[in-house]
Every structure is written in structure tokens, then in C-alpha cells.
Amino acid sequence: MRKRSNLNAGARERSGIALVLVSAACFGALGVLTQLAYRAGVSVPELICGRYLIAAAALWLLVWVLRRPLPPRRGLLLGMALGAGYAVQALLFAASLKRLQAGLADLLYFAYPAMVAVGATVIRRERWSRRRGAAVVAAGGGIALALTSGSAIDPLGVALALAAASGYAAYVIASSSLLKGIDPLALAALLCTAAAVVLSPDAFAQGELTASVGVDGLLLVFIAAMVSTVLGIGAFLAGVRALGPSRASIVSSVEPALTAALGFAAFGDRLGPFQMLGVGLVFASVPILEFRLRPASEREPNRPVSRPLTPSDAYAATPA
């Protein structure tokens, strides 16, 4: 029974890591898709509102087709409240992309794993460890190096990206609690619905949503909605449920490297040598956290080995 339980937990962890990596690839494309949409004449409100309106419709369709359970009324209200906060941080990040390269904005945004790890420890949601501390130091050091470039960096763009990071950290910690009682796909649908409800009325009232966007712009908004919102949010929430907020956040630190690569492919954006070193440090935080020697229980299966339970064990034991 112990061996089967260990195998199930290991499979769940591997699945969680794979889901978070998929979400990182989806979110990594968002910066490039956003800047391409801006160049096609799409405004910030049009992009944000369009993303969440399309994503909400697609996610509720998936919830209905797959017959995913809906949360009770309290869960619905909490999910909508969380979505309202999510909308604010999404708007901040989109605004930062008006002032910064996609790769740099995404790298700054990834201050959030360190914020999640510290916040989850402060509220006693998770236990601190030397391995986690080393991963946070690597990711934080990489972000600091990103700001040492000799080229001019817009201070307001930096402030917007870091503000978005703090909002996202709060969202990750809060969502990990809601996922104990809400299906990840249903929560993703609630998040996108709330974001659309919060952002759309003001944009309509101010006349910022128009029908003048061309076919290219509409196609980019649709791709951003389906790839970077539906798939990205759904995969990340499922990964948080399997790994817990801190581990999921640090594994997702591969995203800045993907964004930088896509930014170079699409626009020829080049990060300076110190920024590239920063990307490397952020990327290194993942193997620092995830690399483990084989446990003694696998080397000597007949010998019972006991160890204290960790927060990751609690998340791994949560029913899907």
C-alpha cells in the first residue's frame, strides 16, 4: 500500500509539473501576442476585454460538455471576487507591455514566485526549506540582474510589471485554497467571467471598444484568448492543485526564457548579457527546487522509511 501510494503521489507530481510547464508556454506567448495585437491596431481595453469574453464563453462550454461540478453559492462568489482581482493585475501587465520589451516585462513579472513562497510561509500555508530558499534566491537574483542593462528602462513600465506580479502572487495563494473545493476548470471559468464583467462596462461606456479592429487584430485576440487564457489558466490551476502554490509558481519560472525566445523570433528583441544571465538564473530555480536524489524507499524497497509530511504531500493527496 505504501509503495502504491508513493507511485500515485509521484505520478500526480509529474502530471502537475507537466501542466505548469504547458501553462508557462501558453503564458510565455502572451507578451508577443499582445504586442502583435497592439501593432495590428488593437487597444489595451479591446485586447483585455476580448480575451476574457471569448475565454469565459469557451470555458463555460467546456464545463458543460465535460460535466464538471459547479461550486456552491459561496464558492461562486469567492471565485468571482478572485476573478475581479485577477482582472486588475492583467490590466497592469498589459499596460507594462506598452512600455517594456515583452521579455523584460515577463521577467519582472516573475518576481511573483518569490512573493508566493514568502507569502505562503508567512501565513503558514507551506513550510520553508533550504531548497525553496535557494530557488527563490536564484529567481530573485535573475530578476535583479534584468534591471542592470545599460539600455534605458522605463521606470513606470517596471512599476506596472512589479505591481502586476504582486497581484498575481495574491491570486495564486488565494486560488490554492479555493481549489480544495472547486474544480480547476470551473474556477478558470469564474475567473474569466469576473474579469469580463469588471472590465467591459467601463470600456463600453468610454467608447474604447469599437468595431474598427481588422481581421488580423481579431484573430490575435482570439488566439490570445484560447491559448494564453483558456489553456494557460486551466493548466496552471490544475498544476497548483497538484503541487501547491509555491512549487507551481517556481516551476513556472521557465516562462521568461520562453517569452524572451519568442520576442527574439517575432521582433528581434535582444536582451543584454546581464539580462541573459538573469534569465538563466530564473530558469535554474526550477531544477534547484525539483531535482532530488532517489529516496531510500526506492533504493531499498523492503526497508520501511518514515518521514514527516510536507505541505506538498497534503496537496498531492487532494482528490482530483
Protein backbone atom coordinates (compact mmCIF):
# COMPACT_ATOMS: atom_id res chain seq x y z
CA MET A 1 0.00 0.00 0.00
CA ARG A 2 2.82 2.42 0.88
CA LYS A 3 4.57 1.71 -2.42
CA ARG A 4 1.36 2.21 -4.41
CA SER A 5 0.67 5.44 -2.55
CA ASN A 6 4.20 6.69 -3.33
CA LEU A 7 3.75 5.78 -7.00
CA ASN A 8 0.42 7.62 -7.16
CA ALA A 9 1.91 10.68 -5.47
CA GLY A 10 4.87 10.61 -7.86
CA ALA A 11 2.60 10.35 -10.89
CA ARG A 12 0.50 13.23 -9.58
CA GLU A 13 3.59 15.40 -9.09
CA ARG A 14 4.88 14.65 -12.60
CA SER A 15 1.47 15.45 -14.02
CA GLY A 16 1.38 18.71 -12.04
CA ILE A 17 4.84 19.73 -13.31
CA ALA A 18 3.81 18.96 -16.91
CA LEU A 19 0.64 21.05 -16.54
CA VAL A 20 2.55 24.02 -15.14
CA LEU A 21 5.10 23.80 -17.98
CA VAL A 22 2.26 23.79 -20.52
CA SER A 23 0.78 26.86 -18.85
CA ALA A 24 4.21 28.56 -18.89
CA ALA A 25 4.45 28.02 -22.64
CA CYS A 26 0.94 29.45 -23.11
CA PHE A 27 1.58 32.48 -20.92
CA GLY A 28 5.02 32.92 -22.48
CA ALA A 29 3.33 33.57 -25.81
CA LEU A 30 1.03 36.22 -24.30
CA GLY A 31 3.58 39.07 -24.33
CA VAL A 32 4.35 38.55 -28.01
CA LEU A 33 0.68 38.11 -28.95
CA THR A 34 -0.15 41.29 -27.02
CA GLN A 35 2.46 43.38 -28.80
CA LEU A 36 1.44 41.94 -32.19
CA ALA A 37 -2.17 42.88 -31.39
CA TYR A 38 -1.12 46.42 -30.47
CA ARG A 39 0.66 46.72 -33.81
CA ALA A 40 -2.49 45.49 -35.57
CA GLY A 41 -4.45 48.39 -34.07
CA VAL A 42 -5.98 46.64 -31.05
CA SER A 43 -6.21 48.83 -27.93
CA VAL A 44 -5.50 47.64 -24.37
CA PRO A 45 -9.23 47.53 -23.40
CA GLU A 46 -10.14 45.74 -26.64
CA LEU A 47 -7.47 43.11 -26.08
CA ILE A 48 -8.20 42.50 -22.40
CA CYS A 49 -12.00 42.52 -22.69
CA GLY A 50 -11.96 40.44 -25.86
CA ARG A 51 -9.67 37.86 -24.27
CA TYR A 52 -11.85 37.34 -21.25
CA LEU A 53 -15.19 37.42 -23.06
CA ILE A 54 -14.04 34.74 -25.52
CA ALA A 55 -12.28 32.72 -22.81
CA ALA A 56 -15.29 32.80 -20.49
CA ALA A 57 -17.59 31.52 -23.23
CA ALA A 58 -15.16 28.74 -24.18
CA LEU A 59 -14.57 27.67 -20.57
CA TRP A 60 -18.27 27.50 -19.65
CA LEU A 61 -18.83 25.41 -22.78
CA LEU A 62 -16.08 23.03 -21.62
CA VAL A 63 -17.55 22.88 -18.11
CA TRP A 64 -20.94 21.94 -19.61
CA VAL A 65 -19.59 19.42 -22.14
CA LEU A 66 -17.28 17.72 -19.64
CA ARG A 67 -19.95 17.90 -16.91
CA ARG A 68 -17.61 19.44 -14.38
CA PRO A 69 -19.21 20.09 -10.96
CA LEU A 70 -20.16 23.64 -10.07
CA PRO A 71 -19.24 25.02 -6.65
CA PRO A 72 -21.84 26.04 -4.05
CA ARG A 73 -23.00 29.64 -3.88
CA ARG A 74 -20.20 30.69 -1.54
CA GLY A 75 -17.63 29.18 -3.90
CA LEU A 76 -19.20 31.01 -6.85
CA LEU A 77 -18.98 34.34 -5.04
CA LEU A 78 -15.39 33.78 -3.93
CA GLY A 79 -14.37 32.70 -7.42
CA MET A 80 -15.94 35.84 -8.92
CA ALA A 81 -14.22 38.03 -6.32
CA LEU A 82 -10.88 36.40 -7.13
CA GLY A 83 -11.54 36.99 -10.82
CA ALA A 84 -12.07 40.70 -10.20
CA GLY A 85 -8.61 40.92 -8.64
CA TYR A 86 -7.19 38.85 -11.49
CA ALA A 87 -8.59 41.38 -13.97
CA VAL A 88 -6.73 44.23 -12.29
CA GLN A 89 -3.34 42.51 -12.43
CA ALA A 90 -3.94 41.51 -16.07
CA LEU A 91 -4.63 45.15 -16.92
CA LEU A 92 -1.44 46.25 -15.14
CA PHE A 93 0.66 43.72 -17.04
CA ALA A 94 -0.90 44.67 -20.38
CA ALA A 95 -0.09 48.32 -19.66
CA SER A 96 3.53 47.43 -18.83
CA LEU A 97 3.89 45.85 -22.28
CA LYS A 98 3.24 49.30 -23.78
CA ARG A 99 6.49 50.50 -22.18
CA LEU A 100 8.79 47.45 -21.98
CA GLN A 101 10.02 44.66 -24.25
CA ALA A 102 7.95 41.51 -23.84
CA GLY A 103 10.92 39.53 -22.47
CA LEU A 104 11.83 42.15 -19.86
CA ALA A 105 8.22 42.69 -18.75
CA ASP A 106 7.74 38.96 -18.31
CA LEU A 107 11.00 38.62 -16.38
CA LEU A 108 9.96 41.37 -13.96
CA TYR A 109 6.53 39.77 -13.63
CA PHE A 110 8.30 36.70 -12.35
CA ALA A 111 9.04 38.35 -9.07
CA TYR A 112 5.76 36.65 -8.16
CA PRO A 113 7.14 33.14 -7.34
CA ALA A 114 9.32 34.65 -4.62
CA MET A 115 6.32 36.62 -3.34
CA VAL A 116 4.20 33.45 -3.31
CA ALA A 117 6.83 31.42 -1.47
CA VAL A 118 7.32 34.10 1.18
CA GLY A 119 3.60 34.82 1.49
CA ALA A 120 2.62 31.15 1.80
CA THR A 121 5.22 30.74 4.54
CA VAL A 122 4.13 33.87 6.42
CA ILE A 123 0.51 32.73 6.54
CA ARG A 124 1.70 29.20 7.42
CA ARG A 125 0.22 27.67 4.30
CA GLU A 126 3.54 26.00 3.46
CA ARG A 127 6.80 25.21 5.25
CA TRP A 128 10.05 26.94 4.36
CA SER A 129 13.06 24.85 3.30
CA ARG A 130 16.65 25.47 2.20
CA ARG A 131 15.85 24.10 -1.25
CA ARG A 132 12.92 26.51 -1.61
CA GLY A 133 15.05 29.38 -0.32
CA ALA A 134 17.77 28.63 -2.89
CA ALA A 135 15.18 28.57 -5.69
CA VAL A 136 13.73 31.91 -4.56
CA VAL A 137 17.22 33.47 -4.33
CA ALA A 138 18.07 32.25 -7.85
CA ALA A 139 14.82 33.60 -9.31
CA GLY A 140 15.09 36.90 -7.39
CA GLY A 141 18.73 37.36 -8.38
CA GLY A 142 17.87 36.77 -12.01
CA ILE A 143 15.17 39.43 -11.91
CA ALA A 144 17.55 41.90 -10.25
CA LEU A 145 20.13 41.31 -12.98
CA ALA A 146 17.49 42.07 -15.60
CA LEU A 147 17.41 45.65 -14.32
CA THR A 148 21.17 46.19 -14.72
CA SER A 149 21.03 46.57 -18.51
CA GLY A 150 22.85 49.56 -19.89
CA SER A 151 19.88 50.47 -22.07
CA ALA A 152 17.19 52.85 -20.83
CA ILE A 153 14.35 51.13 -18.98
CA ASP A 154 11.03 52.87 -18.43
CA PRO A 155 10.54 53.20 -14.63
CA LEU A 156 6.75 53.30 -14.94
CA GLY A 157 6.81 50.12 -17.03
CA VAL A 158 8.91 48.43 -14.32
CA ALA A 159 6.49 49.60 -11.61
CA LEU A 160 3.48 48.33 -13.57
CA ALA A 161 5.06 44.90 -14.14
CA LEU A 162 6.01 44.54 -10.45
CA ALA A 163 2.54 45.67 -9.34
CA ALA A 164 1.05 43.02 -11.62
CA ALA A 165 3.43 40.45 -10.08
CA SER A 166 2.24 41.26 -6.54
CA GLY A 167 -1.39 40.97 -7.63
CA TYR A 168 -0.73 37.63 -9.30
CA ALA A 169 1.04 36.33 -6.18
CA ALA A 170 -2.04 37.12 -4.09
CA TYR A 171 -4.21 35.39 -6.70
CA VAL A 172 -2.08 32.21 -6.65
CA ILE A 173 -2.17 31.93 -2.85
CA ALA A 174 -5.93 32.56 -2.73
CA SER A 175 -6.69 30.16 -5.59
CA SER A 176 -4.84 27.32 -3.85
CA SER A 177 -7.42 27.49 -1.06
CA LEU A 178 -10.40 27.64 -3.41
CA LEU A 179 -9.12 24.66 -5.41
CA LYS A 180 -9.72 22.40 -2.43
CA GLY A 181 -13.44 22.68 -3.09
CA ILE A 182 -13.75 23.93 -6.69
CA ASP A 183 -12.91 22.14 -9.93
CA PRO A 184 -9.98 23.90 -11.71
CA LEU A 185 -11.92 24.27 -14.98
CA ALA A 186 -14.94 25.76 -13.18
CA LEU A 187 -12.67 28.17 -11.27
CA ALA A 188 -10.99 29.24 -14.51
CA ALA A 189 -14.43 29.94 -15.99
CA LEU A 190 -15.39 32.02 -12.95
CA LEU A 191 -12.12 33.99 -13.14
CA CYS A 192 -12.59 34.90 -16.80
CA THR A 193 -16.27 35.72 -16.31
CA ALA A 194 -15.50 38.07 -13.43
CA ALA A 195 -12.67 39.70 -15.39
CA ALA A 196 -15.02 40.33 -18.33
CA VAL A 197 -17.75 41.68 -16.03
CA VAL A 198 -15.32 44.04 -14.27
CA LEU A 199 -13.55 45.39 -17.35
CA SER A 200 -16.18 45.51 -20.11
CA PRO A 201 -18.79 48.03 -18.79
CA ASP A 202 -16.31 50.87 -18.29
CA ALA A 203 -14.65 50.17 -21.63
CA PHE A 204 -18.05 50.30 -23.38
CA ALA A 205 -19.02 53.46 -21.51
CA GLN A 206 -15.80 55.22 -22.51
CA GLY A 207 -16.22 54.16 -26.15
CA GLU A 208 -12.96 52.18 -26.04
CA LEU A 209 -14.47 49.08 -27.64
CA THR A 210 -15.03 49.65 -31.34
CA ALA A 211 -15.68 47.55 -34.41
CA SER A 212 -12.75 49.12 -36.29
CA VAL A 213 -10.30 46.32 -35.47
CA GLY A 214 -9.27 44.43 -38.58
CA VAL A 215 -9.30 40.69 -39.21
CA ASP A 216 -5.67 40.32 -38.12
CA GLY A 217 -6.38 42.04 -34.82
CA LEU A 218 -9.47 39.92 -34.15
CA LEU A 219 -7.53 36.74 -34.93
CA LEU A 220 -4.76 37.71 -32.49
CA VAL A 221 -7.32 38.45 -29.76
CA PHE A 222 -8.92 35.04 -30.36
CA ILE A 223 -5.55 33.22 -30.22
CA ALA A 224 -4.61 35.07 -27.02
CA ALA A 225 -7.96 34.06 -25.50
CA MET A 226 -7.77 30.38 -26.40
CA VAL A 227 -4.04 29.74 -25.88
CA SER A 228 -2.89 32.21 -23.23
CA THR A 229 -6.14 32.34 -21.28
CA VAL A 230 -8.25 29.17 -21.61
CA LEU A 231 -5.37 26.69 -21.82
CA GLY A 232 -2.91 28.76 -19.78
CA ILE A 233 -5.18 29.44 -16.79
CA GLY A 234 -6.76 25.97 -16.80
CA ALA A 235 -3.41 24.15 -16.89
CA PHE A 236 -1.89 26.39 -14.21
CA LEU A 237 -4.78 25.97 -11.77
CA ALA A 238 -4.64 22.19 -12.22
CA GLY A 239 -0.89 22.36 -11.57
CA VAL A 240 -1.41 24.43 -8.40
CA ARG A 241 -3.88 21.83 -7.18
CA ALA A 242 -1.31 19.06 -7.66
CA LEU A 243 1.86 20.84 -6.47
CA GLY A 244 0.76 23.65 -4.16
CA PRO A 245 1.19 27.38 -4.85
CA SER A 246 4.93 27.80 -4.19
CA ARG A 247 6.16 24.82 -6.20
CA ALA A 248 3.82 25.59 -9.09
CA SER A 249 4.97 29.21 -9.14
CA ILE A 250 8.66 28.33 -9.15
CA VAL A 251 8.26 25.65 -11.84
CA SER A 252 6.50 28.26 -13.99
CA SER A 253 9.66 30.40 -13.81
CA VAL A 254 10.70 28.90 -17.15
CA GLU A 255 8.22 31.30 -18.76
CA PRO A 256 10.56 34.34 -19.05
CA ALA A 257 13.06 32.30 -21.08
CA LEU A 258 10.26 31.22 -23.42
CA THR A 259 8.99 34.80 -23.72
CA ALA A 260 12.49 36.10 -24.50
CA ALA A 261 12.93 33.44 -27.20
CA LEU A 262 9.55 34.26 -28.75
CA GLY A 263 10.26 38.00 -28.55
CA PHE A 264 13.52 37.48 -30.41
CA ALA A 265 11.81 35.32 -33.05
CA ALA A 266 8.96 37.79 -33.59
CA PHE A 267 10.62 41.19 -33.18
CA GLY A 268 14.37 40.59 -32.94
CA ASP A 269 14.28 41.75 -29.30
CA ARG A 270 17.66 41.16 -27.73
CA LEU A 271 18.35 41.12 -24.01
CA GLY A 272 21.73 42.33 -22.79
CA PRO A 273 24.33 39.91 -21.35
CA PHE A 274 23.35 40.62 -17.74
CA GLN A 275 19.70 40.17 -18.61
CA MET A 276 20.50 36.86 -20.30
CA LEU A 277 22.35 35.79 -17.15
CA GLY A 278 19.25 36.82 -15.22
CA VAL A 279 17.09 34.62 -17.45
CA GLY A 280 19.49 31.74 -16.78
CA LEU A 281 19.21 32.20 -13.02
CA VAL A 282 15.42 32.33 -13.15
CA PHE A 283 15.42 29.19 -15.30
CA ALA A 284 17.82 27.48 -12.84
CA SER A 285 15.35 27.92 -9.98
CA VAL A 286 13.29 25.02 -11.39
CA PRO A 287 15.92 22.23 -11.21
CA ILE A 288 17.08 23.62 -7.86
CA LEU A 289 13.60 23.04 -6.49
CA GLU A 290 12.70 19.85 -8.35
CA PHE A 291 15.94 17.82 -8.55
CA ARG A 292 16.02 15.11 -5.92
CA LEU A 293 18.15 12.06 -5.30
CA ARG A 294 16.16 8.85 -5.37
CA PRO A 295 14.64 8.31 -1.94
CA ALA A 296 15.86 5.42 0.15
CA SER A 297 12.44 3.78 -0.14
CA GLU A 298 13.12 3.27 -3.86
CA ARG A 299 16.67 2.01 -3.42
CA GLU A 300 15.71 -0.44 -0.67
CA PRO A 301 12.03 -1.30 -1.17
CA ASN A 302 11.90 -3.79 1.69
CA ARG A 303 13.14 -1.34 4.25
CA PRO A 304 10.42 0.88 5.76
CA VAL A 305 11.26 4.55 5.68
CA SER A 306 9.32 7.20 7.52
CA ARG A 307 9.44 10.93 7.06
CA PRO A 308 7.35 13.88 8.20
CA LEU A 309 4.52 15.00 5.98
CA THR A 310 5.10 18.20 4.00
CA PRO A 311 2.63 20.66 2.51
CA SER A 312 3.30 19.13 -0.93
CA ASP A 313 2.05 15.79 0.41
CA ALA A 314 -1.18 17.44 1.51
CA TYR A 315 -1.77 18.92 -1.94
CA ALA A 316 -0.83 15.63 -3.63
CA ALA A 317 -3.43 13.83 -1.52
CA THR A 318 -6.21 16.25 -2.52
CA PRO A 319 -8.78 14.37 -4.67
CA ALA A 320 -8.89 15.50 -8.33
